[in-house]
Amino acid sequence: MQIITPDAILSPTEIFKDHSIAFDTKIRAIAPLNELLQSYPEAEINKLPEHALVMPGLINPHVHLEFSANKTELNYGSFLPWLYSVIEKRDELISGCDTGCMKKAINSMLASGITAFGAVSSYAFDLEAAAAAPQKVVFFNELIGSQAVMADT
């Protein structure tokens, strides 16, 4: 059992101050530290840095890991011009991002608090990186703008 003590805990309904979290593989209790120590006297205590906030993980339901090399190549603004620019530059973007590039994007998402994501894939080149991700991943095959010959990959 471990107990962490942040400055604040954000729940879906309120912000807890002067509370700690007792957990093992699941959160077991949220309460003031002295109460948790009564229930879990052998717990390892970890005081988090000043201003630390603990909150639920974020979810990004639509990620294109294969396009992680993209910085400014696409036409931003309205949806259809953007989509056409993605289709036009798809092969160029995909060839610019190997597994290392995708893993870097995955780690960047995790550092930003994204603990689960939906990986939308055109060619399944991102399957290995998605399968190795520390986050929870749902893997999809792209339908819009995809090539019919790749539908069963």
N, C-alpha and C. Protein backbone atom coordinates (compact mmCIF):
# COMPACT_ATOMS: atom_id res chain seq x y z
N MET A 1 0.85 -1.18 0.00
CA MET A 1 0.00 0.00 0.00
C MET A 1 0.89 1.24 0.00
N GLN A 2 0.48 2.23 -0.78
CA GLN A 2 1.18 3.50 -0.82
C GLN A 2 0.19 4.62 -0.53
N ILE A 3 0.71 5.69 0.01
CA ILE A 3 -0.09 6.90 0.23
C ILE A 3 0.66 8.06 -0.40
N ILE A 4 -0.03 8.80 -1.27
CA ILE A 4 0.57 10.02 -1.82
C ILE A 4 -0.19 11.22 -1.27
N THR A 5 0.56 12.29 -1.06
CA THR A 5 -0.01 13.50 -0.48
C THR A 5 0.30 14.70 -1.38
N PRO A 6 -0.63 15.06 -2.24
CA PRO A 6 -0.45 16.24 -3.09
C PRO A 6 -1.02 17.49 -2.39
N ASP A 7 -0.83 18.64 -3.00
CA ASP A 7 -1.47 19.85 -2.48
C ASP A 7 -2.98 19.81 -2.71
N ALA A 8 -3.39 19.19 -3.83
CA ALA A 8 -4.81 19.14 -4.15
C ALA A 8 -5.12 17.88 -4.96
N ILE A 9 -6.36 17.43 -4.82
CA ILE A 9 -6.85 16.28 -5.57
C ILE A 9 -8.12 16.74 -6.29
N LEU A 10 -8.12 16.61 -7.60
CA LEU A 10 -9.27 16.99 -8.41
C LEU A 10 -10.10 15.75 -8.69
N SER A 11 -11.34 15.77 -8.23
CA SER A 11 -12.25 14.66 -8.54
C SER A 11 -13.29 15.19 -9.53
N PRO A 12 -14.15 14.33 -10.05
CA PRO A 12 -15.17 14.83 -10.98
C PRO A 12 -16.14 15.83 -10.35
N THR A 13 -16.23 15.84 -9.01
CA THR A 13 -17.22 16.71 -8.37
C THR A 13 -16.65 17.78 -7.45
N GLU A 14 -15.39 17.65 -7.03
CA GLU A 14 -14.83 18.64 -6.11
C GLU A 14 -13.31 18.60 -6.09
N ILE A 15 -12.74 19.61 -5.43
CA ILE A 15 -11.29 19.67 -5.22
C ILE A 15 -11.04 19.43 -3.74
N PHE A 16 -10.20 18.44 -3.45
CA PHE A 16 -9.85 18.13 -2.07
C PHE A 16 -8.52 18.78 -1.72
N LYS A 17 -8.50 19.51 -0.63
CA LYS A 17 -7.26 20.06 -0.07
C LYS A 17 -6.99 19.30 1.22
N ASP A 18 -5.72 19.19 1.59
CA ASP A 18 -5.32 18.51 2.83
C ASP A 18 -5.82 17.07 2.88
N HIS A 19 -5.81 16.41 1.73
CA HIS A 19 -6.19 15.01 1.64
C HIS A 19 -5.05 14.24 0.97
N SER A 20 -5.08 12.95 1.17
CA SER A 20 -4.09 12.05 0.57
C SER A 20 -4.84 10.90 -0.09
N ILE A 21 -4.10 10.12 -0.86
CA ILE A 21 -4.68 8.99 -1.58
C ILE A 21 -3.95 7.72 -1.18
N ALA A 22 -4.70 6.72 -0.72
CA ALA A 22 -4.15 5.40 -0.42
C ALA A 22 -4.48 4.50 -1.60
N PHE A 23 -3.45 3.80 -2.11
CA PHE A 23 -3.68 2.95 -3.27
C PHE A 23 -2.68 1.81 -3.30
N ASP A 24 -3.08 0.75 -3.99
CA ASP A 24 -2.16 -0.33 -4.38
C ASP A 24 -2.32 -0.44 -5.89
N THR A 25 -3.06 -1.39 -6.39
CA THR A 25 -3.34 -1.41 -7.83
C THR A 25 -4.57 -0.57 -8.15
N LYS A 26 -5.32 -0.17 -7.11
CA LYS A 26 -6.50 0.69 -7.25
C LYS A 26 -6.49 1.71 -6.12
N ILE A 27 -7.19 2.80 -6.33
CA ILE A 27 -7.37 3.77 -5.25
C ILE A 27 -8.28 3.13 -4.22
N ARG A 28 -7.81 3.09 -2.97
CA ARG A 28 -8.58 2.46 -1.88
C ARG A 28 -9.30 3.49 -1.02
N ALA A 29 -8.71 4.68 -0.88
CA ALA A 29 -9.34 5.71 -0.05
C ALA A 29 -8.73 7.07 -0.34
N ILE A 30 -9.56 8.09 -0.18
CA ILE A 30 -9.11 9.48 -0.22
C ILE A 30 -9.60 10.10 1.08
N ALA A 31 -8.66 10.61 1.86
CA ALA A 31 -8.99 11.15 3.18
C ALA A 31 -7.79 11.94 3.70
N PRO A 32 -7.95 12.67 4.80
CA PRO A 32 -6.78 13.31 5.40
C PRO A 32 -5.73 12.26 5.76
N LEU A 33 -4.47 12.65 5.68
CA LEU A 33 -3.36 11.72 5.89
C LEU A 33 -3.46 10.97 7.22
N ASN A 34 -3.81 11.67 8.31
CA ASN A 34 -3.87 11.00 9.62
C ASN A 34 -4.92 9.89 9.63
N GLU A 35 -6.03 10.06 8.92
CA GLU A 35 -7.04 9.00 8.85
C GLU A 35 -6.53 7.80 8.05
N LEU A 36 -5.83 8.08 6.95
CA LEU A 36 -5.30 6.98 6.14
C LEU A 36 -4.24 6.20 6.90
N LEU A 37 -3.43 6.90 7.70
CA LEU A 37 -2.40 6.21 8.48
C LEU A 37 -3.00 5.29 9.54
N GLN A 38 -4.18 5.63 10.04
CA GLN A 38 -4.86 4.74 10.98
C GLN A 38 -5.32 3.46 10.28
N SER A 39 -5.78 3.60 9.06
CA SER A 39 -6.25 2.44 8.31
C SER A 39 -5.12 1.65 7.67
N TYR A 40 -4.04 2.35 7.30
CA TYR A 40 -2.91 1.72 6.60
C TYR A 40 -1.59 2.11 7.26
N PRO A 41 -1.35 1.64 8.49
CA PRO A 41 -0.16 2.09 9.23
C PRO A 41 1.17 1.67 8.60
N GLU A 42 1.18 0.65 7.77
CA GLU A 42 2.42 0.18 7.15
C GLU A 42 2.65 0.77 5.76
N ALA A 43 1.77 1.66 5.34
CA ALA A 43 1.86 2.21 3.98
C ALA A 43 3.12 3.06 3.80
N GLU A 44 3.64 3.02 2.59
CA GLU A 44 4.76 3.89 2.20
C GLU A 44 4.17 5.25 1.85
N ILE A 45 4.70 6.31 2.46
CA ILE A 45 4.15 7.65 2.26
C ILE A 45 5.06 8.44 1.32
N ASN A 46 4.44 9.10 0.35
CA ASN A 46 5.17 9.91 -0.62
C ASN A 46 4.53 11.29 -0.66
N LYS A 47 5.23 12.28 -0.09
CA LYS A 47 4.77 13.67 -0.14
C LYS A 47 5.18 14.23 -1.50
N LEU A 48 4.21 14.64 -2.28
CA LEU A 48 4.48 15.16 -3.62
C LEU A 48 5.00 16.59 -3.53
N PRO A 49 5.66 17.07 -4.60
CA PRO A 49 6.21 18.43 -4.58
C PRO A 49 5.13 19.49 -4.37
N GLU A 50 5.56 20.66 -3.92
CA GLU A 50 4.65 21.77 -3.70
C GLU A 50 3.87 22.07 -4.99
N HIS A 51 2.59 22.37 -4.83
CA HIS A 51 1.66 22.70 -5.92
C HIS A 51 1.28 21.48 -6.76
N ALA A 52 1.62 20.27 -6.32
CA ALA A 52 1.25 19.08 -7.09
C ALA A 52 -0.27 18.88 -7.04
N LEU A 53 -0.82 18.55 -8.19
CA LEU A 53 -2.24 18.27 -8.33
C LEU A 53 -2.39 16.85 -8.86
N VAL A 54 -3.23 16.06 -8.23
CA VAL A 54 -3.55 14.72 -8.72
C VAL A 54 -4.96 14.79 -9.30
N MET A 55 -5.10 14.28 -10.51
CA MET A 55 -6.39 14.33 -11.19
C MET A 55 -6.56 13.08 -12.04
N PRO A 56 -7.79 12.80 -12.47
CA PRO A 56 -7.97 11.66 -13.38
C PRO A 56 -7.19 11.87 -14.67
N GLY A 57 -6.80 10.77 -15.29
CA GLY A 57 -6.09 10.85 -16.56
C GLY A 57 -7.00 11.37 -17.66
N LEU A 58 -6.40 11.99 -18.65
CA LEU A 58 -7.14 12.51 -19.80
C LEU A 58 -7.18 11.45 -20.90
N ILE A 59 -8.18 11.55 -21.77
CA ILE A 59 -8.34 10.62 -22.88
C ILE A 59 -8.34 11.42 -24.18
N ASN A 60 -7.52 11.00 -25.14
CA ASN A 60 -7.55 11.56 -26.49
C ASN A 60 -8.14 10.47 -27.38
N PRO A 61 -9.41 10.61 -27.79
CA PRO A 61 -10.07 9.51 -28.50
C PRO A 61 -9.69 9.37 -29.97
N HIS A 62 -8.90 10.31 -30.52
CA HIS A 62 -8.64 10.28 -31.97
C HIS A 62 -7.23 10.79 -32.24
N VAL A 63 -6.28 9.87 -32.34
CA VAL A 63 -4.88 10.21 -32.57
C VAL A 63 -4.41 9.49 -33.83
N HIS A 64 -3.61 10.17 -34.63
CA HIS A 64 -2.97 9.56 -35.80
C HIS A 64 -1.48 9.49 -35.53
N LEU A 65 -1.02 8.42 -34.91
CA LEU A 65 0.40 8.28 -34.60
C LEU A 65 1.25 8.31 -35.86
N GLU A 66 0.74 7.77 -36.94
CA GLU A 66 1.49 7.72 -38.21
C GLU A 66 1.82 9.12 -38.73
N PHE A 67 1.06 10.12 -38.30
CA PHE A 67 1.27 11.50 -38.75
C PHE A 67 2.04 12.33 -37.72
N SER A 68 2.68 11.70 -36.78
CA SER A 68 3.34 12.43 -35.69
C SER A 68 4.47 13.33 -36.15
N ALA A 69 4.99 13.12 -37.34
CA ALA A 69 6.05 14.00 -37.86
C ALA A 69 5.48 15.34 -38.32
N ASN A 70 4.15 15.44 -38.47
CA ASN A 70 3.53 16.67 -38.96
C ASN A 70 3.75 17.82 -37.98
N LYS A 71 4.16 18.93 -38.52
CA LYS A 71 4.25 20.15 -37.72
C LYS A 71 3.37 21.23 -38.33
N THR A 72 3.57 21.54 -39.61
CA THR A 72 2.78 22.61 -40.24
C THR A 72 2.48 22.32 -41.70
N GLU A 73 2.52 21.07 -42.13
CA GLU A 73 2.36 20.75 -43.54
C GLU A 73 0.91 20.78 -44.02
N LEU A 74 -0.04 20.78 -43.11
CA LEU A 74 -1.44 20.62 -43.51
C LEU A 74 -2.15 21.97 -43.61
N ASN A 75 -3.32 21.95 -44.26
CA ASN A 75 -4.15 23.13 -44.44
C ASN A 75 -5.13 23.19 -43.27
N TYR A 76 -4.89 24.09 -42.33
CA TYR A 76 -5.73 24.18 -41.14
C TYR A 76 -6.87 25.15 -41.36
N GLY A 77 -7.93 24.97 -40.61
CA GLY A 77 -9.11 25.82 -40.72
C GLY A 77 -10.34 24.96 -40.90
N SER A 78 -10.99 25.08 -42.04
CA SER A 78 -12.20 24.30 -42.32
C SER A 78 -11.87 22.83 -42.50
N PHE A 79 -12.85 21.99 -42.18
CA PHE A 79 -12.62 20.55 -42.15
C PHE A 79 -12.25 19.97 -43.52
N LEU A 80 -13.04 20.24 -44.56
CA LEU A 80 -12.78 19.59 -45.85
C LEU A 80 -11.43 19.97 -46.46
N PRO A 81 -11.05 21.25 -46.48
CA PRO A 81 -9.70 21.55 -47.00
C PRO A 81 -8.61 20.87 -46.18
N TRP A 82 -8.81 20.80 -44.87
CA TRP A 82 -7.84 20.10 -44.02
C TRP A 82 -7.78 18.62 -44.38
N LEU A 83 -8.95 17.97 -44.50
CA LEU A 83 -8.99 16.55 -44.82
C LEU A 83 -8.33 16.27 -46.17
N TYR A 84 -8.61 17.09 -47.17
CA TYR A 84 -7.97 16.90 -48.47
C TYR A 84 -6.45 17.05 -48.37
N SER A 85 -5.99 17.98 -47.53
CA SER A 85 -4.53 18.15 -47.38
C SER A 85 -3.92 16.94 -46.68
N VAL A 86 -4.66 16.33 -45.75
CA VAL A 86 -4.18 15.11 -45.10
C VAL A 86 -4.05 13.99 -46.14
N ILE A 87 -5.08 13.81 -46.96
CA ILE A 87 -5.06 12.76 -47.97
C ILE A 87 -3.93 13.00 -48.97
N GLU A 88 -3.75 14.25 -49.37
CA GLU A 88 -2.70 14.60 -50.33
C GLU A 88 -1.30 14.36 -49.77
N LYS A 89 -1.10 14.65 -48.51
CA LYS A 89 0.25 14.57 -47.92
C LYS A 89 0.45 13.34 -47.03
N ARG A 90 -0.54 12.46 -47.00
CA ARG A 90 -0.49 11.30 -46.11
C ARG A 90 0.79 10.49 -46.26
N ASP A 91 1.13 10.10 -47.48
CA ASP A 91 2.31 9.26 -47.68
C ASP A 91 3.59 9.97 -47.23
N GLU A 92 3.67 11.25 -47.52
CA GLU A 92 4.84 12.05 -47.10
C GLU A 92 4.94 12.11 -45.57
N LEU A 93 3.80 12.32 -44.91
CA LEU A 93 3.80 12.40 -43.45
C LEU A 93 4.16 11.06 -42.82
N ILE A 94 3.59 9.99 -43.37
CA ILE A 94 3.84 8.66 -42.82
C ILE A 94 5.30 8.27 -43.00
N SER A 95 5.87 8.56 -44.15
CA SER A 95 7.27 8.19 -44.37
C SER A 95 8.21 9.00 -43.50
N GLY A 96 7.73 10.13 -42.98
CA GLY A 96 8.56 10.97 -42.12
C GLY A 96 8.54 10.59 -40.66
N CYS A 97 7.79 9.53 -40.31
CA CYS A 97 7.66 9.17 -38.89
C CYS A 97 7.83 7.67 -38.71
N ASP A 98 8.96 7.27 -38.14
CA ASP A 98 9.20 5.85 -37.85
C ASP A 98 8.68 5.52 -36.44
N THR A 99 8.92 4.31 -35.99
CA THR A 99 8.44 3.89 -34.67
C THR A 99 8.99 4.78 -33.56
N GLY A 100 10.24 5.21 -33.68
CA GLY A 100 10.81 6.11 -32.68
C GLY A 100 10.07 7.43 -32.59
N CYS A 101 9.69 7.96 -33.74
CA CYS A 101 8.92 9.20 -33.80
C CYS A 101 7.56 9.01 -33.11
N MET A 102 6.92 7.87 -33.38
CA MET A 102 5.62 7.59 -32.77
C MET A 102 5.75 7.40 -31.27
N LYS A 103 6.80 6.72 -30.82
CA LYS A 103 7.01 6.53 -29.38
C LYS A 103 7.24 7.86 -28.69
N LYS A 104 7.93 8.77 -29.36
CA LYS A 104 8.14 10.11 -28.81
C LYS A 104 6.80 10.82 -28.64
N ALA A 105 5.91 10.70 -29.62
CA ALA A 105 4.58 11.30 -29.53
C ALA A 105 3.77 10.68 -28.40
N ILE A 106 3.87 9.36 -28.25
CA ILE A 106 3.17 8.67 -27.16
C ILE A 106 3.67 9.16 -25.81
N ASN A 107 4.98 9.29 -25.66
CA ASN A 107 5.55 9.77 -24.39
C ASN A 107 5.16 11.21 -24.12
N SER A 108 5.08 12.02 -25.16
CA SER A 108 4.65 13.41 -25.01
C SER A 108 3.20 13.47 -24.53
N MET A 109 2.35 12.61 -25.08
CA MET A 109 0.95 12.56 -24.62
C MET A 109 0.90 12.17 -23.15
N LEU A 110 1.67 11.15 -22.76
CA LEU A 110 1.66 10.70 -21.37
C LEU A 110 2.13 11.82 -20.44
N ALA A 111 3.17 12.54 -20.83
CA ALA A 111 3.68 13.65 -20.02
C ALA A 111 2.64 14.76 -19.88
N SER A 112 1.70 14.83 -20.82
CA SER A 112 0.63 15.83 -20.78
C SER A 112 -0.61 15.33 -20.04
N GLY A 113 -0.56 14.12 -19.50
CA GLY A 113 -1.68 13.60 -18.73
C GLY A 113 -2.62 12.70 -19.48
N ILE A 114 -2.30 12.37 -20.73
CA ILE A 114 -3.16 11.48 -21.52
C ILE A 114 -2.83 10.04 -21.15
N THR A 115 -3.78 9.38 -20.50
CA THR A 115 -3.56 8.01 -20.02
C THR A 115 -4.27 6.96 -20.88
N ALA A 116 -5.04 7.42 -21.86
CA ALA A 116 -5.70 6.50 -22.79
C ALA A 116 -5.90 7.25 -24.11
N PHE A 117 -5.77 6.52 -25.23
CA PHE A 117 -6.02 7.17 -26.52
C PHE A 117 -6.54 6.17 -27.54
N GLY A 118 -7.22 6.73 -28.54
CA GLY A 118 -7.69 5.96 -29.68
C GLY A 118 -6.74 6.19 -30.83
N ALA A 119 -6.06 5.16 -31.28
CA ALA A 119 -5.10 5.26 -32.38
C ALA A 119 -5.81 4.93 -33.68
N VAL A 120 -6.00 5.94 -34.52
CA VAL A 120 -6.66 5.77 -35.81
C VAL A 120 -5.56 5.58 -36.85
N SER A 121 -5.55 4.42 -37.51
CA SER A 121 -4.42 4.02 -38.34
C SER A 121 -4.81 3.86 -39.81
N SER A 122 -3.99 4.40 -40.68
CA SER A 122 -4.21 4.24 -42.12
C SER A 122 -3.59 2.96 -42.66
N TYR A 123 -2.41 2.60 -42.18
CA TYR A 123 -1.66 1.48 -42.73
C TYR A 123 -1.21 0.45 -41.70
N ALA A 124 -1.53 0.68 -40.44
CA ALA A 124 -1.10 -0.17 -39.32
C ALA A 124 0.40 -0.11 -39.09
N PHE A 125 1.07 0.91 -39.63
CA PHE A 125 2.50 1.09 -39.35
C PHE A 125 2.72 1.49 -37.89
N ASP A 126 1.67 1.97 -37.24
CA ASP A 126 1.75 2.41 -35.86
C ASP A 126 1.33 1.34 -34.85
N LEU A 127 1.01 0.16 -35.33
CA LEU A 127 0.53 -0.90 -34.44
C LEU A 127 1.56 -1.27 -33.38
N GLU A 128 2.81 -1.42 -33.76
CA GLU A 128 3.86 -1.79 -32.80
C GLU A 128 4.00 -0.73 -31.71
N ALA A 129 4.06 0.53 -32.09
CA ALA A 129 4.20 1.61 -31.11
C ALA A 129 2.98 1.69 -30.20
N ALA A 130 1.78 1.53 -30.78
CA ALA A 130 0.56 1.58 -29.98
C ALA A 130 0.50 0.41 -29.00
N ALA A 131 0.89 -0.78 -29.46
CA ALA A 131 0.86 -1.96 -28.59
C ALA A 131 1.84 -1.84 -27.43
N ALA A 132 2.94 -1.12 -27.63
CA ALA A 132 3.95 -0.96 -26.58
C ALA A 132 3.69 0.25 -25.68
N ALA A 133 2.68 1.04 -25.99
CA ALA A 133 2.41 2.26 -25.22
C ALA A 133 2.03 1.93 -23.78
N PRO A 134 2.47 2.75 -22.83
CA PRO A 134 2.09 2.52 -21.43
C PRO A 134 0.63 2.89 -21.15
N GLN A 135 0.01 3.66 -22.04
CA GLN A 135 -1.38 4.03 -21.87
C GLN A 135 -2.30 2.91 -22.33
N LYS A 136 -3.56 3.04 -21.99
CA LYS A 136 -4.58 2.16 -22.56
C LYS A 136 -4.85 2.66 -23.98
N VAL A 137 -4.93 1.72 -24.93
CA VAL A 137 -5.06 2.09 -26.34
C VAL A 137 -6.19 1.30 -26.98
N VAL A 138 -7.02 1.99 -27.75
CA VAL A 138 -7.98 1.36 -28.64
C VAL A 138 -7.48 1.65 -30.04
N PHE A 139 -7.30 0.60 -30.85
CA PHE A 139 -6.70 0.73 -32.18
C PHE A 139 -7.79 0.60 -33.24
N PHE A 140 -7.88 1.58 -34.14
CA PHE A 140 -8.89 1.62 -35.19
C PHE A 140 -8.23 1.61 -36.56
N ASN A 141 -8.92 1.11 -37.56
CA ASN A 141 -8.51 1.29 -38.96
C ASN A 141 -9.24 2.49 -39.52
N GLU A 142 -8.50 3.38 -40.19
CA GLU A 142 -9.08 4.58 -40.81
C GLU A 142 -9.98 4.18 -41.97
N LEU A 143 -11.11 4.86 -42.08
CA LEU A 143 -12.01 4.62 -43.21
C LEU A 143 -12.04 5.80 -44.16
N ILE A 144 -12.12 7.02 -43.62
CA ILE A 144 -12.22 8.21 -44.48
C ILE A 144 -10.87 8.47 -45.13
N GLY A 145 -10.85 8.48 -46.43
CA GLY A 145 -9.62 8.79 -47.15
C GLY A 145 -8.61 7.66 -47.18
N SER A 146 -9.00 6.49 -46.70
CA SER A 146 -8.05 5.38 -46.71
C SER A 146 -8.03 4.72 -48.09
N GLN A 147 -7.01 3.93 -48.31
CA GLN A 147 -6.89 3.21 -49.58
C GLN A 147 -7.52 1.83 -49.42
N ALA A 148 -8.38 1.46 -50.35
CA ALA A 148 -9.12 0.20 -50.25
C ALA A 148 -8.21 -1.01 -50.09
N VAL A 149 -7.05 -1.00 -50.73
CA VAL A 149 -6.15 -2.15 -50.65
C VAL A 149 -5.58 -2.34 -49.25
N MET A 150 -5.66 -1.30 -48.41
CA MET A 150 -5.11 -1.39 -47.05
C MET A 150 -6.18 -1.75 -46.02
N ALA A 151 -7.43 -1.91 -46.44
CA ALA A 151 -8.54 -2.11 -45.52
C ALA A 151 -8.38 -3.34 -44.64
N ASP A 152 -7.74 -4.38 -45.12
CA ASP A 152 -7.62 -5.62 -44.35
C ASP A 152 -6.27 -5.80 -43.68
N THR A 153 -5.42 -4.77 -43.64
CA THR A 153 -4.10 -4.93 -43.02
C THR A 153 -4.19 -4.98 -41.52
